[in-house]
């Protein structure tokens, strides 16, 4: 592995959002702790980072996020109670979250946007490439997106973003990328990015989703980036500068993702994620699918 492309070992997970779309459930519970079947959404994200070889995880948190730290810490009282009951299966599940990775936490303080959240990670990350995983996006573990992004970064250097093709009427919900083809069918080079453009202004139908592998040069760019859309410091604006001038920190590439993604920041997609993942579980799937088929049939008949 070349000296200019060191191994990536650190993941940053911004988790300071208020989760207002899920009120009142998130009034006292962080949105990242909402369960997806029987694990909080944030655990799926940490497991994805670990599966990609990232064993050092920094969460950028805010007020009322203490349950995140508690979840990935040991709970000796609970573990002792389960051990005394002889409940080895549940004991293993409880211990699993605290053994996943080396966890670190930093407070964002003022909610100044995703770019600012990433900038808060600079002292921990230092001068090495790192991954950013947004907690609202769950990527199915059978679709190793992050591993592929790391491979592309190791080959080309610079930064890598995850892209999905979306319907034109949805592009305003995402950052949009202007792309150029490369020799690899699933890899493009980015020549420009626009944060949440109108349908008419979007440079393509490729939307940036919540996975990034970033060159540390992004910190210097972010520190000089003025607040953009919504009065926030946008990561997309910093990536736009890197894409426009590779001398700042290498090129920006995109990996086109065509796998399974669940947007748990949307209430409808959150429910669909639970149904899909429950259906695929060996312990829950058979009975749940039978009930679901009967429920759907009865609903159709009533209509």
Protein backbone atom coordinates (compact mmCIF):
# COMPACT_ATOMS: atom_id res chain seq x y z
CA UNK A 1 0.00 0.00 0.00
CA UNK A 2 1.51 3.35 -0.95
CA UNK A 3 2.54 5.87 1.68
CA UNK A 4 0.19 8.46 0.22
CA UNK A 5 -2.81 6.17 0.69
CA UNK A 6 -2.57 4.96 4.29
CA UNK A 7 -4.92 2.36 5.72
CA UNK A 8 -8.25 3.75 6.83
CA UNK A 9 -9.16 2.81 10.39
CA UNK A 10 -11.37 5.63 11.69
CA UNK A 11 -15.08 6.21 11.22
CA UNK A 12 -17.01 9.35 12.14
CA UNK A 13 -20.76 9.15 12.81
CA UNK A 14 -22.56 12.50 13.17
CA UNK A 15 -25.36 11.99 15.69
CA UNK A 16 -26.29 15.43 17.02
CA UNK A 17 -29.61 15.88 15.19
CA UNK A 18 -32.86 16.45 17.06
CA UNK A 19 -34.95 13.90 15.16
CA UNK A 20 -37.95 16.20 14.91
CA UNK A 21 -39.65 14.04 12.26
CA UNK A 22 -40.18 11.36 14.91
CA UNK A 23 -41.61 13.51 17.68
CA UNK A 24 -42.90 12.78 20.26
CA UNK A 25 -40.92 9.49 20.28
CA UNK A 26 -37.64 11.44 20.13
CA UNK A 27 -38.55 13.97 22.83
CA UNK A 28 -36.45 12.07 25.38
CA UNK A 29 -34.91 9.33 23.21
CA UNK A 30 -32.27 10.03 20.54
CA UNK A 31 -33.55 9.16 17.07
CA UNK A 32 -30.47 6.97 16.60
CA UNK A 33 -31.71 4.75 19.43
CA UNK A 34 -35.08 3.99 17.83
CA UNK A 35 -35.23 0.20 17.37
CA UNK A 36 -35.06 -1.49 13.99
CA UNK A 37 -36.48 -4.89 14.94
CA UNK A 38 -34.47 -5.49 18.14
CA UNK A 39 -31.37 -3.32 17.71
CA UNK A 40 -31.14 0.48 17.73
CA UNK A 41 -30.57 1.97 14.29
CA UNK A 42 -27.15 3.31 15.29
CA UNK A 43 -25.83 -0.19 16.05
CA UNK A 44 -26.38 -1.25 12.44
CA UNK A 45 -24.24 1.72 11.35
CA UNK A 46 -21.41 0.87 13.76
CA UNK A 47 -21.54 -2.77 12.65
CA UNK A 48 -21.21 -1.64 9.03
CA UNK A 49 -18.10 0.38 9.88
CA UNK A 50 -16.57 -2.56 11.73
CA UNK A 51 -17.35 -4.95 8.85
CA UNK A 52 -15.38 -2.59 6.58
CA UNK A 53 -12.35 -2.83 8.85
CA UNK A 54 -12.86 0.41 10.79
CA UNK A 55 -12.24 -0.32 14.45
CA UNK A 56 -12.04 3.27 15.77
CA UNK A 57 -15.42 5.03 15.84
CA UNK A 58 -16.04 8.66 16.82
CA UNK A 59 -19.62 9.80 17.39
CA UNK A 60 -20.31 13.51 17.11
CA UNK A 61 -23.13 14.04 19.58
CA UNK A 62 -25.18 16.83 21.15
CA UNK A 63 -27.52 17.40 24.04
CA UNK A 64 -29.65 14.48 25.26
CA UNK A 65 -27.45 11.91 23.48
CA UNK A 66 -26.15 10.16 26.59
CA UNK A 67 -28.13 6.96 25.76
CA UNK A 68 -25.82 6.48 22.75
CA UNK A 69 -22.81 6.32 25.03
CA UNK A 70 -24.62 4.06 27.48
CA UNK A 71 -25.62 1.63 24.73
CA UNK A 72 -22.03 1.04 23.60
CA UNK A 73 -20.73 0.89 27.18
CA UNK A 74 -20.84 -2.06 29.58
CA UNK A 75 -23.91 -2.54 31.78
CA UNK A 76 -22.55 -4.70 34.57
CA UNK A 77 -25.79 -4.80 36.57
CA UNK A 78 -27.80 -6.07 33.60
CA UNK A 79 -25.06 -8.50 32.58
CA UNK A 80 -24.89 -9.88 36.13
CA UNK A 81 -28.67 -10.34 36.26
CA UNK A 82 -28.70 -12.20 32.93
CA UNK A 83 -25.75 -14.36 33.98
CA UNK A 84 -27.48 -15.35 37.23
CA UNK A 85 -30.59 -16.32 35.24
CA UNK A 86 -28.47 -18.44 32.91
CA UNK A 87 -29.68 -16.40 29.94
CA UNK A 88 -26.54 -16.72 27.85
CA UNK A 89 -28.22 -15.75 24.59
CA UNK A 90 -29.40 -12.35 25.78
CA UNK A 91 -26.17 -11.80 27.69
CA UNK A 92 -24.22 -12.22 24.45
CA UNK A 93 -26.47 -9.71 22.69
CA UNK A 94 -26.01 -7.16 25.46
CA UNK A 95 -22.22 -7.57 25.42
CA UNK A 96 -22.03 -7.47 21.64
CA UNK A 97 -22.62 -3.72 21.37
CA UNK A 98 -19.89 -2.89 23.91
CA UNK A 99 -17.34 -5.11 22.16
CA UNK A 100 -17.86 -3.88 18.59
CA UNK A 101 -15.20 -1.18 18.36
CA UNK A 102 -13.21 1.40 20.27
CA UNK A 103 -15.79 4.15 20.76
CA UNK A 104 -15.11 7.86 21.23
CA UNK A 105 -17.45 10.83 21.62
CA UNK A 106 -17.25 14.57 21.01
CA UNK A 107 -19.95 17.22 21.44
CA UNK A 108 -20.83 19.35 18.44
CA UNK A 109 -22.26 22.13 20.60
CA UNK A 110 -23.96 24.49 18.17
CA UNK A 111 -25.83 22.61 15.40
CA UNK A 112 -24.13 24.29 12.46
CA UNK A 113 -24.65 21.56 9.90
CA UNK A 114 -23.03 18.37 8.66
CA UNK A 115 -19.87 20.13 7.57
CA UNK A 116 -19.41 21.54 11.04
CA UNK A 117 -20.06 18.11 12.60
CA UNK A 118 -17.31 16.61 10.44
CA UNK A 119 -14.99 19.48 11.36
CA UNK A 120 -15.50 18.63 15.04
CA UNK A 121 -13.79 15.30 14.31
CA UNK A 122 -10.54 16.90 13.14
CA UNK A 123 -8.59 16.62 16.43
CA UNK A 124 -9.44 12.93 16.70
CA UNK A 125 -8.92 11.97 13.05
CA UNK A 126 -5.69 13.87 12.50
CA UNK A 127 -3.88 13.71 9.17
CA UNK A 128 -5.31 10.51 7.72
CA UNK A 129 -8.27 9.55 5.52
CA UNK A 130 -11.44 8.54 7.32
CA UNK A 131 -15.01 7.44 6.72
CA UNK A 132 -18.21 9.31 7.57
CA UNK A 133 -21.43 7.33 8.05
CA UNK A 134 -24.75 9.10 8.52
CA UNK A 135 -27.01 7.31 10.96
CA UNK A 136 -30.21 7.83 8.97
CA UNK A 137 -28.97 5.62 6.15
CA UNK A 138 -28.90 1.88 6.81
CA UNK A 139 -27.06 -0.12 4.15
CA UNK A 140 -27.93 -3.79 3.97
CA UNK A 141 -24.92 -5.81 5.21
CA UNK A 142 -25.15 -8.01 2.11
CA UNK A 143 -24.25 -4.96 -0.01
CA UNK A 144 -20.71 -3.94 1.06
CA UNK A 145 -20.82 -0.32 -0.10
CA UNK A 146 -18.29 1.05 2.36
CA UNK A 147 -15.72 -1.62 1.56
CA UNK A 148 -15.96 -0.71 -2.11
CA UNK A 149 -15.58 3.00 -1.34
CA UNK A 150 -12.45 2.31 0.69
CA UNK A 151 -11.02 0.28 -2.22
CA UNK A 152 -11.62 3.20 -4.59
CA UNK A 153 -10.01 5.67 -2.18
CA UNK A 154 -6.98 3.41 -1.77
CA UNK A 155 -6.61 3.24 -5.55
CA UNK A 156 -7.21 6.89 -6.45
CA UNK A 157 -6.59 8.84 -3.25
CA UNK A 158 -8.65 11.93 -2.52
CA UNK A 159 -12.24 11.54 -1.36
CA UNK A 160 -15.08 9.20 -2.33
CA UNK A 161 -18.83 9.67 -1.96
CA UNK A 162 -21.69 7.20 -2.33
CA UNK A 163 -24.18 7.92 -5.12
CA UNK A 164 -27.62 6.54 -5.94
CA UNK A 165 -29.75 7.34 -8.95
CA UNK A 166 -33.06 8.82 -7.82
CA UNK A 167 -36.21 10.00 -9.55
CA UNK A 168 -35.99 13.62 -10.83
CA UNK A 169 -38.75 14.72 -8.44
CA UNK A 170 -36.67 13.52 -5.47
CA UNK A 171 -33.31 15.10 -6.29
CA UNK A 172 -34.13 18.25 -4.30
CA UNK A 173 -33.89 16.16 -1.13
CA UNK A 174 -30.20 15.37 -1.69
CA UNK A 175 -26.89 16.74 -2.80
CA UNK A 176 -26.54 16.16 -6.55
CA UNK A 177 -23.33 15.37 -8.45
CA UNK A 178 -22.05 16.18 -11.92
CA UNK A 179 -20.14 13.06 -12.98
CA UNK A 180 -17.66 11.79 -15.54
CA UNK A 181 -17.27 8.11 -16.41
CA UNK A 182 -14.16 6.11 -15.50
CA UNK A 183 -12.87 2.69 -16.53
CA UNK A 184 -14.92 1.09 -13.74
CA UNK A 185 -18.65 0.88 -14.39
CA UNK A 186 -19.55 1.61 -10.76
CA UNK A 187 -17.07 4.48 -10.31
CA UNK A 188 -17.36 8.05 -11.58
CA UNK A 189 -15.28 11.17 -11.11
CA UNK A 190 -17.12 14.17 -9.75
CA UNK A 191 -16.69 17.53 -11.42
CA UNK A 192 -19.25 19.40 -9.34
CA UNK A 193 -21.80 19.10 -6.54
CA UNK A 194 -24.92 21.05 -5.62
CA UNK A 195 -26.69 20.81 -2.26
CA UNK A 196 -30.45 20.10 -2.61
CA UNK A 197 -30.93 21.63 -6.07
CA UNK A 198 -34.25 22.12 -7.78
CA UNK A 199 -35.14 19.58 -10.43
CA UNK A 200 -34.11 22.07 -13.12
CA UNK A 201 -30.78 22.96 -11.50
CA UNK A 202 -29.65 19.41 -10.71
CA UNK A 203 -26.54 18.43 -12.71
CA UNK A 204 -27.66 14.76 -12.77
CA UNK A 205 -30.02 12.27 -11.17
CA UNK A 206 -27.17 10.96 -9.00
CA UNK A 207 -27.83 11.78 -5.35
CA UNK A 208 -25.23 11.72 -2.60
CA UNK A 209 -26.26 9.33 0.16
CA UNK A 210 -24.87 9.08 3.66
CA UNK A 211 -21.49 7.42 3.16
CA UNK A 212 -18.20 9.26 2.56
CA UNK A 213 -14.52 8.38 2.61
CA UNK A 214 -12.68 11.67 3.00
CA UNK A 215 -9.17 12.98 2.63
CA UNK A 216 -8.09 14.96 5.73
CA UNK A 217 -7.66 18.00 3.46
CA UNK A 218 -11.43 18.40 3.85
CA UNK A 219 -10.85 19.82 7.35
CA UNK A 220 -8.89 22.80 6.03
CA UNK A 221 -11.54 23.45 3.39
CA UNK A 222 -14.37 23.15 5.91
CA UNK A 223 -12.68 25.59 8.28
CA UNK A 224 -12.89 28.21 5.52
CA UNK A 225 -16.34 27.28 4.19
CA UNK A 226 -19.04 29.87 4.77
CA UNK A 227 -22.53 28.78 5.85
CA UNK A 228 -24.59 27.80 2.81
CA UNK A 229 -28.09 26.44 2.33
CA UNK A 230 -30.10 26.67 5.55
CA UNK A 231 -27.42 28.82 7.19
CA UNK A 232 -25.34 25.70 7.85
CA UNK A 233 -21.81 24.67 6.92
CA UNK A 234 -22.43 22.12 4.20
CA UNK A 235 -20.11 19.19 3.59
CA UNK A 236 -21.28 19.25 -0.01
CA UNK A 237 -19.85 22.78 -0.45
CA UNK A 238 -16.44 21.62 0.79
CA UNK A 239 -16.50 18.60 -1.50
CA UNK A 240 -17.42 20.91 -4.39
CA UNK A 241 -14.18 22.83 -3.78
CA UNK A 242 -12.15 19.62 -3.64
CA UNK A 243 -13.76 18.37 -6.86
CA UNK A 244 -13.04 21.66 -8.61
CA UNK A 245 -9.39 21.81 -7.53
CA UNK A 246 -7.66 18.46 -7.01
CA UNK A 247 -4.53 20.24 -5.72
CA UNK A 248 -6.43 20.95 -2.48
CA UNK A 249 -6.62 17.29 -1.54
CA UNK A 250 -6.90 14.93 -4.47
CA UNK A 251 -9.84 14.12 -6.73
CA UNK A 252 -13.39 13.29 -5.65
CA UNK A 253 -14.83 10.03 -6.95
CA UNK A 254 -18.24 8.49 -6.53
CA UNK A 255 -19.28 4.86 -6.15
CA UNK A 256 -22.67 4.20 -7.73
CA UNK A 257 -24.67 2.11 -5.31
CA UNK A 258 -27.48 -0.12 -6.56
CA UNK A 259 -28.02 -2.18 -3.45
CA UNK A 260 -30.46 -2.10 -0.54
CA UNK A 261 -30.66 1.13 1.46
CA UNK A 262 -33.13 2.08 4.16
CA UNK A 263 -33.72 5.73 5.07
CA UNK A 264 -34.60 5.51 8.75
CA UNK A 265 -34.92 9.29 8.93
CA UNK A 266 -38.20 8.98 7.04
CA UNK A 267 -41.10 7.50 9.00
CA UNK A 268 -42.46 5.45 6.12
CA UNK A 269 -39.07 4.07 5.11
CA UNK A 270 -38.28 3.38 8.76
CA UNK A 271 -41.34 1.15 8.97
CA UNK A 272 -40.47 -0.53 5.68
CA UNK A 273 -36.95 -1.22 6.94
CA UNK A 274 -38.33 -2.96 10.01
CA UNK A 275 -40.66 -5.11 7.90
CA UNK A 276 -37.95 -6.04 5.39
CA UNK A 277 -35.34 -6.90 7.98
CA UNK A 278 -37.82 -8.81 10.14
CA UNK A 279 -38.95 -10.85 7.14
CA UNK A 280 -35.35 -11.87 6.44
CA UNK A 281 -34.54 -12.95 9.98
CA UNK A 282 -34.31 -16.73 10.44
CA UNK A 283 -35.78 -16.52 13.94
CA UNK A 284 -38.63 -14.13 13.08
CA UNK A 285 -39.11 -14.34 9.33
CA UNK A 286 -41.23 -17.48 8.79
CA UNK A 287 -43.98 -16.60 11.30
CA UNK A 288 -43.85 -12.89 10.50
CA UNK A 289 -44.14 -13.43 6.74
CA UNK A 290 -47.13 -15.73 7.25
CA UNK A 291 -48.86 -13.11 9.41
CA UNK A 292 -47.96 -10.33 6.99
CA UNK A 293 -49.40 -12.18 4.00
CA UNK A 294 -52.61 -12.83 5.90
CA UNK A 295 -52.80 -9.21 7.06
CA UNK A 296 -52.30 -7.82 3.54
CA UNK A 297 -54.86 -10.22 2.09
CA UNK A 298 -57.45 -9.21 4.68
CA UNK A 299 -56.74 -5.53 4.10
CA UNK A 300 -57.21 -5.91 0.34
CA UNK A 301 -60.46 -7.79 0.81
CA UNK A 302 -61.85 -5.09 3.09
CA UNK A 303 -61.16 -2.46 0.45
